[in-house]
Amino acid sequence: MRRHRLHPQRRLGQHFLYDEGILRRIARAAAPFEGVRVLEIGPGPGGLTRALLLEGAQEVVAVE
């Protein structure tokens, strides 16, 4: 985000998580994902997308 000079716009409700540990815990709470396709709405910088894949999602379709 910094490299591309992108900043969350709070007025649009954008709040991005960057802590990989928290993102993995969120993904684990929604598991199991084996053989499952996941639809993620508003992926932002992709932290949760990566966590879902690491937790075993077959595929993540992210729609901004």
Protein backbone atom coordinates (compact mmCIF):
# COMPACT_ATOMS: atom_id res chain seq x y z
CA MET A 1 0.00 0.00 0.00
CA ARG A 2 2.79 2.44 0.87
CA ARG A 3 4.75 1.64 -2.23
CA HIS A 4 1.77 2.61 -4.40
CA ARG A 5 0.79 5.50 -2.12
CA LEU A 6 -2.62 4.04 -1.39
CA HIS A 7 -4.43 4.99 1.79
CA PRO A 8 -7.70 3.63 3.19
CA GLN A 9 -10.56 6.08 2.96
CA ARG A 10 -12.28 5.92 6.33
CA ARG A 11 -15.34 7.72 4.97
CA LEU A 12 -15.87 4.70 2.70
CA GLY A 13 -15.50 2.30 5.61
CA GLN A 14 -12.10 1.05 4.50
CA HIS A 15 -10.09 -0.46 7.34
CA PHE A 16 -7.29 -2.78 6.29
CA LEU A 17 -5.75 -5.50 8.44
CA TYR A 18 -2.09 -6.29 7.88
CA ASP A 19 -1.29 -8.60 10.80
CA GLU A 20 -0.84 -12.06 9.24
CA GLY A 21 -1.57 -13.80 12.54
CA ILE A 22 -4.95 -12.12 12.90
CA LEU A 23 -5.80 -12.74 9.24
CA ARG A 24 -4.99 -16.45 9.63
CA ARG A 25 -7.16 -16.65 12.77
CA ILE A 26 -10.08 -15.09 10.90
CA ALA A 27 -9.63 -17.55 8.03
CA ARG A 28 -9.38 -20.50 10.44
CA ALA A 29 -12.62 -19.43 12.12
CA ALA A 30 -14.42 -19.81 8.78
CA ALA A 31 -12.71 -23.13 7.88
CA PRO A 32 -12.74 -25.93 6.74
CA PHE A 33 -12.05 -25.02 3.14
CA GLU A 34 -10.82 -28.25 1.57
CA GLY A 35 -12.25 -28.38 -1.96
CA VAL A 36 -14.24 -25.17 -1.44
CA ARG A 37 -14.37 -22.10 -3.66
CA VAL A 38 -14.60 -18.91 -1.57
CA LEU A 39 -16.14 -15.60 -2.67
CA GLU A 40 -14.51 -12.61 -1.01
CA ILE A 41 -16.18 -9.22 -1.35
CA GLY A 42 -13.91 -6.17 -1.07
CA PRO A 43 -10.50 -7.87 -0.79
CA GLY A 44 -8.55 -4.63 -0.34
CA PRO A 45 -4.80 -5.34 -0.37
CA GLY A 46 -5.36 -9.12 -0.33
CA GLY A 47 -4.29 -10.13 3.17
CA LEU A 48 -7.41 -12.18 3.88
CA THR A 49 -7.28 -13.65 0.38
CA ARG A 50 -3.80 -15.02 1.08
CA ALA A 51 -4.86 -16.32 4.50
CA LEU A 52 -7.86 -18.15 3.01
CA LEU A 53 -5.60 -19.84 0.47
CA LEU A 54 -3.07 -20.77 3.16
CA GLU A 55 -5.88 -22.32 5.20
CA GLY A 56 -6.80 -24.60 2.32
CA ALA A 57 -9.34 -22.82 0.13
CA GLN A 58 -9.33 -24.41 -3.31
CA GLU A 59 -9.87 -21.04 -4.95
CA VAL A 60 -10.70 -17.51 -3.84
CA VAL A 61 -12.74 -15.32 -6.17
CA ALA A 62 -12.23 -11.73 -5.01
CA VAL A 63 -14.60 -8.99 -6.14
CA GLU A 64 -13.71 -5.39 -5.41
